[in-house]
Amino acid sequence: MKMVYFVIVIVLLSIWDIKNMKTKKQNKDLILYVVLMLMVGFLGIYYFSDPDRSFSKVILSWIGQGE
């Protein structure tokens, strides 16, 4: 249920921020904002899907330094 609340909050905040950026014609900031919000969303979903899983261990195993 936490994941549903997380996604709803992210979507609502993003819509509000994107509307404000469009009215101020901040196109470069808008692109960066969308990219960062997508990253935050994916990392949040990753965490809420299994809080015991460690993101740093996954990254270290990808580069060959993990267990």
C-alpha atoms as a PDB file:
ATOM      1  CA  MET A   1       0.000   0.000   0.000  1.00  0.00           C
ATOM      2  CA  LYS A   2       2.963   2.300   0.627  1.00  0.00           C
ATOM      3  CA  MET A   3       3.972   1.984  -3.016  1.00  0.00           C
ATOM      4  CA  VAL A   4       0.549   3.196  -4.164  1.00  0.00           C
ATOM      5  CA  TYR A   5       0.779   6.275  -1.948  1.00  0.00           C
ATOM      6  CA  PHE A   6       4.330   6.895  -3.133  1.00  0.00           C
ATOM      7  CA  VAL A   7       3.335   6.783  -6.806  1.00  0.00           C
ATOM      8  CA  ILE A   8       0.306   9.024  -6.222  1.00  0.00           C
ATOM      9  CA  VAL A   9       2.412  11.645  -4.424  1.00  0.00           C
ATOM     10  CA  ILE A  10       5.119  11.563  -7.103  1.00  0.00           C
ATOM     11  CA  VAL A  11       2.577  11.922  -9.920  1.00  0.00           C
ATOM     12  CA  LEU A  12       0.663  14.760  -8.248  1.00  0.00           C
ATOM     13  CA  LEU A  13       3.821  16.705  -7.410  1.00  0.00           C
ATOM     14  CA  SER A  14       5.190  16.169 -10.896  1.00  0.00           C
ATOM     15  CA  ILE A  15       2.016  17.414 -12.575  1.00  0.00           C
ATOM     16  CA  TRP A  16       1.963  20.522 -10.396  1.00  0.00           C
ATOM     17  CA  ASP A  17       5.665  21.263 -10.950  1.00  0.00           C
ATOM     18  CA  ILE A  18       5.497  20.622 -14.706  1.00  0.00           C
ATOM     19  CA  LYS A  19       2.552  23.018 -15.066  1.00  0.00           C
ATOM     20  CA  ASN A  20       4.497  25.710 -13.196  1.00  0.00           C
ATOM     21  CA  MET A  21       7.611  25.157 -15.319  1.00  0.00           C
ATOM     22  CA  LYS A  22       5.624  25.325 -18.569  1.00  0.00           C
ATOM     23  CA  THR A  23       4.023  28.626 -17.617  1.00  0.00           C
ATOM     24  CA  LYS A  24       7.475  30.068 -16.862  1.00  0.00           C
ATOM     25  CA  LYS A  25       8.891  28.532 -20.101  1.00  0.00           C
ATOM     26  CA  GLN A  26      11.677  26.664 -18.293  1.00  0.00           C
ATOM     27  CA  ASN A  27      12.207  23.985 -20.942  1.00  0.00           C
ATOM     28  CA  LYS A  28      15.754  22.939 -19.977  1.00  0.00           C
ATOM     29  CA  ASP A  29      14.785  22.714 -16.317  1.00  0.00           C
ATOM     30  CA  LEU A  30      11.691  20.728 -17.272  1.00  0.00           C
ATOM     31  CA  ILE A  31      13.725  18.058 -19.052  1.00  0.00           C
ATOM     32  CA  LEU A  32      16.115  17.705 -16.118  1.00  0.00           C
ATOM     33  CA  TYR A  33      13.195  17.614 -13.691  1.00  0.00           C
ATOM     34  CA  VAL A  34      11.457  14.812 -15.611  1.00  0.00           C
ATOM     35  CA  VAL A  35      14.651  12.738 -15.758  1.00  0.00           C
ATOM     36  CA  LEU A  36      15.305  13.155 -12.029  1.00  0.00           C
ATOM     37  CA  MET A  37      11.686  12.399 -11.091  1.00  0.00           C
ATOM     38  CA  LEU A  38      11.782   9.210 -13.177  1.00  0.00           C
ATOM     39  CA  MET A  39      14.960   8.149 -11.369  1.00  0.00           C
ATOM     40  CA  VAL A  40      13.411   8.925  -7.982  1.00  0.00           C
ATOM     41  CA  GLY A  41      10.287   7.022  -8.951  1.00  0.00           C
ATOM     42  CA  PHE A  42      12.186   3.934 -10.091  1.00  0.00           C
ATOM     43  CA  LEU A  43      14.424   3.924  -7.018  1.00  0.00           C
ATOM     44  CA  GLY A  44      11.405   4.398  -4.739  1.00  0.00           C
ATOM     45  CA  ILE A  45       9.540   1.521  -6.351  1.00  0.00           C
ATOM     46  CA  TYR A  46      12.702  -0.586  -6.128  1.00  0.00           C
ATOM     47  CA  TYR A  47      12.972   0.136  -2.402  1.00  0.00           C
ATOM     48  CA  PHE A  48       9.295  -0.325  -1.544  1.00  0.00           C
ATOM     49  CA  SER A  49       9.094  -3.598  -3.491  1.00  0.00           C
ATOM     50  CA  ASP A  50      11.707  -5.178  -1.158  1.00  0.00           C
ATOM     51  CA  PRO A  51      13.170  -2.965   1.607  1.00  0.00           C
ATOM     52  CA  ASP A  52      15.654  -5.663   2.677  1.00  0.00           C
ATOM     53  CA  ARG A  53      17.354  -5.670  -0.715  1.00  0.00           C
ATOM     54  CA  SER A  54      20.393  -3.395  -0.959  1.00  0.00           C
ATOM     55  CA  PHE A  55      20.790  -1.208  -4.040  1.00  0.00           C
ATOM     56  CA  SER A  56      24.516  -0.788  -3.393  1.00  0.00           C
ATOM     57  CA  LYS A  57      25.014  -4.576  -3.359  1.00  0.00           C
ATOM     58  CA  VAL A  58      23.277  -4.837  -6.727  1.00  0.00           C
ATOM     59  CA  ILE A  59      25.495  -2.109  -8.223  1.00  0.00           C
ATOM     60  CA  LEU A  60      28.639  -3.705  -6.771  1.00  0.00           C
ATOM     61  CA  SER A  61      27.665  -7.111  -8.175  1.00  0.00           C
ATOM     62  CA  TRP A  62      27.163  -5.506 -11.631  1.00  0.00           C
ATOM     63  CA  ILE A  63      30.727  -4.207 -11.616  1.00  0.00           C
ATOM     64  CA  GLY A  64      32.125  -7.459 -10.216  1.00  0.00           C
ATOM     65  CA  GLN A  65      32.941  -6.264  -6.695  1.00  0.00           C
ATOM     66  CA  GLY A  66      30.042  -7.868  -4.842  1.00  0.00           C
ATOM     67  CA  GLU A  67      29.566 -11.305  -3.377  1.00  0.00           C
END
